[in-house]
Amino acid sequence: MRRTGDDDGKSFKRLTEREKLAVFVEVRRILGNSDAFSSFEFPSVSDCAVCGLVGRSNERSPAHLHAGPDLPLLLAGSWASHRCETRPYGMFLTRHIVFSPTDNDWKMTFRYYHDPECSRPSFTLAAHGSYARAAPSPYAYDFHVSRMVLTPDDADLANALNSYKGKECGRPGSWDKGKPQDITPTGGCQAVGVRVPVVEKEILRSGVDENGGMWLALGQTATTPLQVGGLARPTSWGPQLISVGTTRRGT
């Protein structure tokens, strides 16, 4: 069995404990309890306590893994993607969400890209509104989108938006690359599939990672965020956002 090299070790260290465990379990699934598994060297397994429990387990003595306590939902502050995210239909984006510490207001910025490295911008959606708890699930929340601004980040999209006639997407013929425009008066923008006002049914939960950093998870949707609106509430969790600061009163 191939020994892991320095580059593999560095890559493994950058993974979260959950990701390390996924790698560890997959290798064990493939190799079973064979000598090959026992001789396989995992880099930095000492950094992954759960991996050690799984590694020492067997069919007669399984690992006892205990879930961490549920923490209260802590929304106030600023949350952002820690990597380029993928959505269906070849969409890639980063998210930045800010929750007010004094009321139920929020604002979001979604930056869409043409490539999975998020290096070639396509367009940006900025929205804000309010949110409220929704029964019966403790994770269920409704996001009321009351205002939305669209910015084309490449010239081709700006030209395409200018080709739309009537009142389907902002002011006809007024789109320029890098120039934001409020699309609330036209009810959104049919060209990119967004509507406003709209209510987005969401699920939310927060927690703490193995390094003590706060994270926030929203639901995994079948489309890009704010692309449709009015869909059923998600039933699975999407990529986690990380805390990037707390919003102070008066800011």
C-alpha atoms as a PDB file:
ATOM      1  CA  MET A   1       0.000   0.000   0.000  1.00  0.00           C
ATOM      2  CA  ARG A   2       1.318   3.422  -0.943  1.00  0.00           C
ATOM      3  CA  ARG A   3       2.497   5.582   1.914  1.00  0.00           C
ATOM      4  CA  THR A   4       1.086   9.075   1.961  1.00  0.00           C
ATOM      5  CA  GLY A   5       3.574  11.759   0.972  1.00  0.00           C
ATOM      6  CA  ASP A   6       4.232  15.225   2.319  1.00  0.00           C
ATOM      7  CA  ASP A   7       1.824  16.856  -0.139  1.00  0.00           C
ATOM      8  CA  ASP A   8      -0.932  14.414   0.875  1.00  0.00           C
ATOM      9  CA  GLY A   9      -0.245  15.165   4.529  1.00  0.00           C
ATOM     10  CA  LYS A  10      -0.546  18.904   4.006  1.00  0.00           C
ATOM     11  CA  SER A  11      -3.818  18.451   2.107  1.00  0.00           C
ATOM     12  CA  PHE A  12      -5.173  16.159   4.830  1.00  0.00           C
ATOM     13  CA  LYS A  13      -4.341  18.694   7.552  1.00  0.00           C
ATOM     14  CA  ARG A  14      -6.388  21.348   5.770  1.00  0.00           C
ATOM     15  CA  LEU A  15      -9.527  19.209   6.002  1.00  0.00           C
ATOM     16  CA  THR A  16     -12.047  19.654   8.788  1.00  0.00           C
ATOM     17  CA  GLU A  17     -12.423  16.796  11.266  1.00  0.00           C
ATOM     18  CA  ARG A  18     -15.660  15.774   9.550  1.00  0.00           C
ATOM     19  CA  GLU A  19     -13.885  15.625   6.173  1.00  0.00           C
ATOM     20  CA  LYS A  20     -10.972  13.655   7.661  1.00  0.00           C
ATOM     21  CA  LEU A  21     -13.432  11.172   9.105  1.00  0.00           C
ATOM     22  CA  ALA A  22     -15.129  10.762   5.725  1.00  0.00           C
ATOM     23  CA  VAL A  23     -11.775   9.914   4.103  1.00  0.00           C
ATOM     24  CA  PHE A  24     -10.874   7.564   6.935  1.00  0.00           C
ATOM     25  CA  VAL A  25     -14.191   5.694   6.810  1.00  0.00           C
ATOM     26  CA  GLU A  26     -14.064   5.375   3.016  1.00  0.00           C
ATOM     27  CA  VAL A  27     -10.581   3.812   3.101  1.00  0.00           C
ATOM     28  CA  ARG A  28     -11.714   1.430   5.822  1.00  0.00           C
ATOM     29  CA  ARG A  29     -14.797   0.524   3.784  1.00  0.00           C
ATOM     30  CA  ILE A  30     -12.569  -0.387   0.817  1.00  0.00           C
ATOM     31  CA  LEU A  31      -9.859  -2.227   2.746  1.00  0.00           C
ATOM     32  CA  GLY A  32     -11.945  -3.693   5.563  1.00  0.00           C
ATOM     33  CA  ASN A  33     -10.069  -5.093   8.559  1.00  0.00           C
ATOM     34  CA  SER A  34      -7.253  -6.419   6.409  1.00  0.00           C
ATOM     35  CA  ASP A  35      -3.539  -6.089   7.073  1.00  0.00           C
ATOM     36  CA  ALA A  36      -3.490  -3.493   4.306  1.00  0.00           C
ATOM     37  CA  PHE A  37      -5.718  -1.223   6.397  1.00  0.00           C
ATOM     38  CA  SER A  38      -3.645  -1.614   9.544  1.00  0.00           C
ATOM     39  CA  SER A  39      -0.464  -0.796   7.596  1.00  0.00           C
ATOM     40  CA  PHE A  40      -1.989   2.193   5.787  1.00  0.00           C
ATOM     41  CA  GLU A  41      -0.496   5.450   7.115  1.00  0.00           C
ATOM     42  CA  PHE A  42      -2.951   8.288   7.520  1.00  0.00           C
ATOM     43  CA  PRO A  43      -1.276  11.681   7.895  1.00  0.00           C
ATOM     44  CA  SER A  44      -2.271  13.649  10.978  1.00  0.00           C
ATOM     45  CA  VAL A  45      -4.753  11.085  12.299  1.00  0.00           C
ATOM     46  CA  SER A  46      -3.700  12.304  15.732  1.00  0.00           C
ATOM     47  CA  ASP A  47      -5.424  15.575  14.782  1.00  0.00           C
ATOM     48  CA  CYS A  48      -8.687  13.696  14.244  1.00  0.00           C
ATOM     49  CA  ALA A  49      -9.942  12.178  17.490  1.00  0.00           C
ATOM     50  CA  VAL A  50     -12.955  10.549  15.849  1.00  0.00           C
ATOM     51  CA  CYS A  51     -10.708   8.912  13.236  1.00  0.00           C
ATOM     52  CA  GLY A  52      -8.777   7.264  16.068  1.00  0.00           C
ATOM     53  CA  LEU A  53     -11.975   5.848  17.568  1.00  0.00           C
ATOM     54  CA  VAL A  54     -13.033   4.444  14.201  1.00  0.00           C
ATOM     55  CA  GLY A  55      -9.552   3.063  13.521  1.00  0.00           C
ATOM     56  CA  ARG A  56      -9.496   1.094  16.790  1.00  0.00           C
ATOM     57  CA  SER A  57     -13.007  -0.284  16.288  1.00  0.00           C
ATOM     58  CA  ASN A  58     -14.134  -3.550  14.723  1.00  0.00           C
ATOM     59  CA  GLU A  59     -17.376  -5.406  14.064  1.00  0.00           C
ATOM     60  CA  ARG A  60     -17.521  -6.775  17.612  1.00  0.00           C
ATOM     61  CA  SER A  61     -16.453  -3.563  19.266  1.00  0.00           C
ATOM     62  CA  PRO A  62     -17.809  -0.597  17.249  1.00  0.00           C
ATOM     63  CA  ALA A  63     -16.795   2.971  17.974  1.00  0.00           C
ATOM     64  CA  HIS A  64     -19.118   4.903  20.262  1.00  0.00           C
ATOM     65  CA  LEU A  65     -19.498   8.345  18.744  1.00  0.00           C
ATOM     66  CA  HIS A  66     -21.355  10.950  20.723  1.00  0.00           C
ATOM     67  CA  ALA A  67     -23.020  13.904  19.031  1.00  0.00           C
ATOM     68  CA  GLY A  68     -22.211  17.329  20.381  1.00  0.00           C
ATOM     69  CA  PRO A  69     -24.905  19.267  22.233  1.00  0.00           C
ATOM     70  CA  ASP A  70     -27.397  21.298  20.244  1.00  0.00           C
ATOM     71  CA  LEU A  71     -26.548  24.972  20.586  1.00  0.00           C
ATOM     72  CA  PRO A  72     -29.014  27.859  20.430  1.00  0.00           C
ATOM     73  CA  LEU A  73     -29.227  29.502  17.024  1.00  0.00           C
ATOM     74  CA  LEU A  74     -26.825  32.460  17.015  1.00  0.00           C
ATOM     75  CA  LEU A  75     -27.489  34.566  13.924  1.00  0.00           C
ATOM     76  CA  ALA A  76     -26.317  38.102  14.710  1.00  0.00           C
ATOM     77  CA  GLY A  77     -23.203  38.989  12.770  1.00  0.00           C
ATOM     78  CA  SER A  78     -21.622  38.354   9.401  1.00  0.00           C
ATOM     79  CA  TRP A  79     -21.305  34.961   7.686  1.00  0.00           C
ATOM     80  CA  ALA A  80     -19.518  34.043   4.458  1.00  0.00           C
ATOM     81  CA  SER A  81     -18.612  31.108   2.227  1.00  0.00           C
ATOM     82  CA  HIS A  82     -15.164  29.684   2.946  1.00  0.00           C
ATOM     83  CA  ARG A  83     -14.833  28.288  -0.586  1.00  0.00           C
ATOM     84  CA  CYS A  84     -16.425  28.518  -4.023  1.00  0.00           C
ATOM     85  CA  GLU A  85     -19.800  26.747  -3.904  1.00  0.00           C
ATOM     86  CA  THR A  86     -21.473  24.731  -6.653  1.00  0.00           C
ATOM     87  CA  ARG A  87     -25.138  24.777  -7.612  1.00  0.00           C
ATOM     88  CA  PRO A  88     -27.067  22.863 -10.289  1.00  0.00           C
ATOM     89  CA  TYR A  89     -27.006  23.929 -13.939  1.00  0.00           C
ATOM     90  CA  GLY A  90     -23.342  24.913 -13.877  1.00  0.00           C
ATOM     91  CA  MET A  91     -23.713  27.741 -11.366  1.00  0.00           C
ATOM     92  CA  PHE A  92     -20.918  28.701  -8.962  1.00  0.00           C
ATOM     93  CA  LEU A  93     -21.127  31.311  -6.231  1.00  0.00           C
ATOM     94  CA  THR A  94     -19.995  32.744  -2.929  1.00  0.00           C
ATOM     95  CA  ARG A  95     -22.408  33.954  -0.250  1.00  0.00           C
ATOM     96  CA  HIS A  96     -22.182  36.704   2.347  1.00  0.00           C
ATOM     97  CA  ILE A  97     -25.041  37.108   4.842  1.00  0.00           C
ATOM     98  CA  VAL A  98     -25.391  39.692   7.616  1.00  0.00           C
ATOM     99  CA  PHE A  99     -27.983  39.434  10.400  1.00  0.00           C
ATOM    100  CA  SER A 100     -28.804  42.484  12.499  1.00  0.00           C
ATOM    101  CA  PRO A 101     -28.091  42.169  16.239  1.00  0.00           C
ATOM    102  CA  THR A 102     -31.047  44.390  17.159  1.00  0.00           C
ATOM    103  CA  ASP A 103     -33.969  43.160  15.030  1.00  0.00           C
ATOM    104  CA  ASN A 104     -34.970  40.555  12.445  1.00  0.00           C
ATOM    105  CA  ASP A 105     -33.402  42.293   9.464  1.00  0.00           C
ATOM    106  CA  TRP A 106     -30.911  40.571   7.167  1.00  0.00           C
ATOM    107  CA  LYS A 107     -29.011  41.324   3.991  1.00  0.00           C
ATOM    108  CA  MET A 108     -27.329  38.947   1.585  1.00  0.00           C
ATOM    109  CA  THR A 109     -24.845  39.240  -1.260  1.00  0.00           C
ATOM    110  CA  PHE A 110     -24.526  36.381  -3.734  1.00  0.00           C
ATOM    111  CA  ARG A 111     -21.700  36.605  -6.264  1.00  0.00           C
ATOM    112  CA  TYR A 112     -22.095  34.261  -9.238  1.00  0.00           C
ATOM    113  CA  TYR A 113     -19.237  33.017 -11.395  1.00  0.00           C
ATOM    114  CA  HIS A 114     -18.670  31.144 -14.655  1.00  0.00           C
ATOM    115  CA  ASP A 115     -16.119  28.685 -13.243  1.00  0.00           C
ATOM    116  CA  PRO A 116     -15.692  26.353 -10.235  1.00  0.00           C
ATOM    117  CA  GLU A 117     -12.750  28.405  -8.924  1.00  0.00           C
ATOM    118  CA  CYS A 118     -14.962  31.521  -8.698  1.00  0.00           C
ATOM    119  CA  SER A 119     -12.400  33.509 -10.685  1.00  0.00           C
ATOM    120  CA  ARG A 120     -14.585  34.772 -13.568  1.00  0.00           C
ATOM    121  CA  PRO A 121     -17.501  36.890 -12.247  1.00  0.00           C
ATOM    122  CA  SER A 122     -20.893  36.705 -13.932  1.00  0.00           C
ATOM    123  CA  PHE A 123     -23.308  38.768 -11.823  1.00  0.00           C
ATOM    124  CA  THR A 124     -24.039  39.815  -8.244  1.00  0.00           C
ATOM    125  CA  LEU A 125     -27.371  39.768  -6.406  1.00  0.00           C
ATOM    126  CA  ALA A 126     -27.778  41.857  -3.260  1.00  0.00           C
ATOM    127  CA  ALA A 127     -31.002  41.522  -1.300  1.00  0.00           C
ATOM    128  CA  HIS A 128     -32.383  42.415   2.061  1.00  0.00           C
ATOM    129  CA  GLY A 129     -35.538  41.973   4.099  1.00  0.00           C
ATOM    130  CA  SER A 130     -36.700  40.377   7.348  1.00  0.00           C
ATOM    131  CA  TYR A 131     -36.984  36.872   8.734  1.00  0.00           C
ATOM    132  CA  ALA A 132     -39.286  35.067  11.180  1.00  0.00           C
ATOM    133  CA  ARG A 133     -39.587  31.671  12.837  1.00  0.00           C
ATOM    134  CA  ALA A 134     -41.925  29.231  11.100  1.00  0.00           C
ATOM    135  CA  ALA A 135     -43.691  26.344  12.847  1.00  0.00           C
ATOM    136  CA  PRO A 136     -43.428  23.498  13.525  1.00  0.00           C
ATOM    137  CA  SER A 137     -39.727  22.720  13.004  1.00  0.00           C
ATOM    138  CA  PRO A 138     -37.253  24.420  15.366  1.00  0.00           C
ATOM    139  CA  TYR A 139     -34.996  24.972  12.331  1.00  0.00           C
ATOM    140  CA  ALA A 140     -37.662  26.503  10.060  1.00  0.00           C
ATOM    141  CA  TYR A 141     -37.490  30.195   9.141  1.00  0.00           C
ATOM    142  CA  ASP A 142     -39.139  32.344   6.488  1.00  0.00           C
ATOM    143  CA  PHE A 143     -37.033  34.968   4.716  1.00  0.00           C
ATOM    144  CA  HIS A 144     -39.057  37.889   3.353  1.00  0.00           C
ATOM    145  CA  VAL A 145     -37.165  39.441   0.445  1.00  0.00           C
ATOM    146  CA  SER A 146     -38.292  43.051   0.090  1.00  0.00           C
ATOM    147  CA  ARG A 147     -35.564  44.612  -2.078  1.00  0.00           C
ATOM    148  CA  MET A 148     -33.058  43.313  -4.614  1.00  0.00           C
ATOM    149  CA  VAL A 149     -30.200  44.855  -6.594  1.00  0.00           C
ATOM    150  CA  LEU A 150     -28.564  43.213  -9.616  1.00  0.00           C
ATOM    151  CA  THR A 151     -25.071  43.982 -10.905  1.00  0.00           C
ATOM    152  CA  PRO A 152     -23.866  42.450 -14.198  1.00  0.00           C
ATOM    153  CA  ASP A 153     -20.187  41.626 -13.758  1.00  0.00           C
ATOM    154  CA  ASP A 154     -19.406  40.904 -17.390  1.00  0.00           C
ATOM    155  CA  ALA A 155     -20.159  42.843 -20.567  1.00  0.00           C
ATOM    156  CA  ASP A 156     -21.953  39.966 -22.306  1.00  0.00           C
ATOM    157  CA  LEU A 157     -24.565  39.745 -19.559  1.00  0.00           C
ATOM    158  CA  ALA A 158     -25.040  43.513 -19.566  1.00  0.00           C
ATOM    159  CA  ASN A 159     -25.663  43.409 -23.309  1.00  0.00           C
ATOM    160  CA  ALA A 160     -28.104  40.520 -22.894  1.00  0.00           C
ATOM    161  CA  LEU A 161     -30.050  42.427 -20.231  1.00  0.00           C
ATOM    162  CA  ASN A 162     -30.246  45.439 -22.544  1.00  0.00           C
ATOM    163  CA  SER A 163     -31.886  43.248 -25.189  1.00  0.00           C
ATOM    164  CA  TYR A 164     -34.915  42.653 -22.955  1.00  0.00           C
ATOM    165  CA  LYS A 165     -37.885  44.825 -23.772  1.00  0.00           C
ATOM    166  CA  GLY A 166     -40.614  46.160 -21.543  1.00  0.00           C
ATOM    167  CA  LYS A 167     -40.401  46.068 -17.741  1.00  0.00           C
ATOM    168  CA  GLU A 168     -39.052  42.573 -17.183  1.00  0.00           C
ATOM    169  CA  CYS A 169     -35.682  43.480 -15.700  1.00  0.00           C
ATOM    170  CA  GLY A 170     -34.844  46.996 -14.565  1.00  0.00           C
ATOM    171  CA  ARG A 171     -34.773  49.942 -16.936  1.00  0.00           C
ATOM    172  CA  PRO A 172     -34.463  48.797 -20.576  1.00  0.00           C
ATOM    173  CA  GLY A 173     -31.159  49.723 -22.199  1.00  0.00           C
ATOM    174  CA  SER A 174     -29.592  51.020 -18.984  1.00  0.00           C
ATOM    175  CA  TRP A 175     -27.368  48.079 -18.053  1.00  0.00           C
ATOM    176  CA  ASP A 176     -23.569  48.446 -17.899  1.00  0.00           C
ATOM    177  CA  LYS A 177     -20.881  46.120 -16.607  1.00  0.00           C
ATOM    178  CA  GLY A 178     -20.260  46.762 -12.912  1.00  0.00           C
ATOM    179  CA  LYS A 179     -23.220  49.130 -12.563  1.00  0.00           C
ATOM    180  CA  PRO A 180     -25.786  47.995  -9.931  1.00  0.00           C
ATOM    181  CA  GLN A 181     -29.472  48.545 -10.506  1.00  0.00           C
ATOM    182  CA  ASP A 182     -32.465  48.148  -8.181  1.00  0.00           C
ATOM    183  CA  ILE A 183     -34.779  45.587  -9.786  1.00  0.00           C
ATOM    184  CA  THR A 184     -37.469  45.818  -7.094  1.00  0.00           C
ATOM    185  CA  PRO A 185     -39.705  48.173  -9.162  1.00  0.00           C
ATOM    186  CA  THR A 186     -39.881  45.588 -11.971  1.00  0.00           C
ATOM    187  CA  GLY A 187     -40.623  42.698  -9.627  1.00  0.00           C
ATOM    188  CA  GLY A 188     -37.185  41.161 -10.058  1.00  0.00           C
ATOM    189  CA  CYS A 189     -35.496  40.085 -13.274  1.00  0.00           C
ATOM    190  CA  GLN A 190     -36.879  37.355 -15.502  1.00  0.00           C
ATOM    191  CA  ALA A 191     -33.556  37.122 -17.351  1.00  0.00           C
ATOM    192  CA  VAL A 192     -31.801  35.641 -14.311  1.00  0.00           C
ATOM    193  CA  GLY A 193     -34.935  34.078 -12.815  1.00  0.00           C
ATOM    194  CA  VAL A 194     -35.376  36.132  -9.640  1.00  0.00           C
ATOM    195  CA  ARG A 195     -38.534  37.664  -8.186  1.00  0.00           C
ATOM    196  CA  VAL A 196     -39.162  40.292  -5.546  1.00  0.00           C
ATOM    197  CA  PRO A 197     -40.965  40.524  -3.208  1.00  0.00           C
ATOM    198  CA  VAL A 198     -40.890  36.840  -2.354  1.00  0.00           C
ATOM    199  CA  VAL A 199     -40.770  34.582   0.696  1.00  0.00           C
ATOM    200  CA  GLU A 200     -37.961  32.022   0.807  1.00  0.00           C
ATOM    201  CA  LYS A 201     -38.688  29.035   3.053  1.00  0.00           C
ATOM    202  CA  GLU A 202     -35.461  28.131   4.835  1.00  0.00           C
ATOM    203  CA  ILE A 203     -33.952  26.020   7.578  1.00  0.00           C
ATOM    204  CA  LEU A 204     -31.149  27.347   9.793  1.00  0.00           C
ATOM    205  CA  ARG A 205     -28.778  25.965  12.384  1.00  0.00           C
ATOM    206  CA  SER A 206     -25.464  27.096  13.857  1.00  0.00           C
ATOM    207  CA  GLY A 207     -22.635  25.388  15.666  1.00  0.00           C
ATOM    208  CA  VAL A 208     -18.959  25.365  16.582  1.00  0.00           C
ATOM    209  CA  ASP A 209     -16.262  23.517  14.630  1.00  0.00           C
ATOM    210  CA  GLU A 210     -13.322  21.584  16.104  1.00  0.00           C
ATOM    211  CA  ASN A 211     -11.210  24.755  16.128  1.00  0.00           C
ATOM    212  CA  GLY A 212     -13.776  26.773  18.068  1.00  0.00           C
ATOM    213  CA  GLY A 213     -15.005  28.731  15.035  1.00  0.00           C
ATOM    214  CA  MET A 214     -18.700  29.464  14.574  1.00  0.00           C
ATOM    215  CA  TRP A 215     -20.543  28.153  11.514  1.00  0.00           C
ATOM    216  CA  LEU A 216     -24.032  28.650  10.070  1.00  0.00           C
ATOM    217  CA  ALA A 217     -25.884  26.284   7.741  1.00  0.00           C
ATOM    218  CA  LEU A 218     -28.907  26.994   5.550  1.00  0.00           C
ATOM    219  CA  GLY A 219     -30.928  24.484   3.583  1.00  0.00           C
ATOM    220  CA  GLN A 220     -29.688  22.762   0.434  1.00  0.00           C
ATOM    221  CA  THR A 221     -31.979  23.881  -2.375  1.00  0.00           C
ATOM    222  CA  ALA A 222     -32.518  22.432  -5.832  1.00  0.00           C
ATOM    223  CA  THR A 223     -31.751  25.804  -7.414  1.00  0.00           C
ATOM    224  CA  THR A 224     -29.446  28.719  -6.758  1.00  0.00           C
ATOM    225  CA  PRO A 225     -30.411  30.939  -3.772  1.00  0.00           C
ATOM    226  CA  LEU A 226     -33.134  33.494  -4.525  1.00  0.00           C
ATOM    227  CA  GLN A 227     -33.460  32.090  -8.043  1.00  0.00           C
ATOM    228  CA  VAL A 228     -37.094  31.043  -7.837  1.00  0.00           C
ATOM    229  CA  GLY A 229     -38.800  31.662  -4.520  1.00  0.00           C
ATOM    230  CA  GLY A 230     -41.925  29.970  -3.240  1.00  0.00           C
ATOM    231  CA  LEU A 231     -40.343  26.494  -3.218  1.00  0.00           C
ATOM    232  CA  ALA A 232     -40.937  23.863  -0.560  1.00  0.00           C
ATOM    233  CA  ARG A 233     -38.780  24.150   2.537  1.00  0.00           C
ATOM    234  CA  PRO A 234     -35.427  22.311   2.157  1.00  0.00           C
ATOM    235  CA  THR A 235     -34.986  18.996   3.952  1.00  0.00           C
ATOM    236  CA  SER A 236     -31.176  18.770   3.909  1.00  0.00           C
ATOM    237  CA  TRP A 237     -28.318  21.081   4.846  1.00  0.00           C
ATOM    238  CA  GLY A 238     -26.247  23.083   2.398  1.00  0.00           C
ATOM    239  CA  PRO A 239     -22.586  24.180   2.645  1.00  0.00           C
ATOM    240  CA  GLN A 240     -21.654  25.804   5.924  1.00  0.00           C
ATOM    241  CA  LEU A 241     -20.885  29.508   6.200  1.00  0.00           C
ATOM    242  CA  ILE A 242     -18.221  30.693   8.627  1.00  0.00           C
ATOM    243  CA  SER A 243     -18.418  33.617  11.004  1.00  0.00           C
ATOM    244  CA  VAL A 244     -16.450  36.607   9.721  1.00  0.00           C
ATOM    245  CA  GLY A 245     -17.310  39.163  12.394  1.00  0.00           C
ATOM    246  CA  THR A 246     -20.065  40.514  14.564  1.00  0.00           C
ATOM    247  CA  THR A 247     -22.299  43.388  13.529  1.00  0.00           C
ATOM    248  CA  ARG A 248     -22.213  46.073  16.191  1.00  0.00           C
ATOM    249  CA  ARG A 249     -25.161  48.208  17.217  1.00  0.00           C
ATOM    250  CA  GLY A 250     -25.505  51.285  15.076  1.00  0.00           C
ATOM    251  CA  THR A 251     -23.597  49.835  12.083  1.00  0.00           C
END
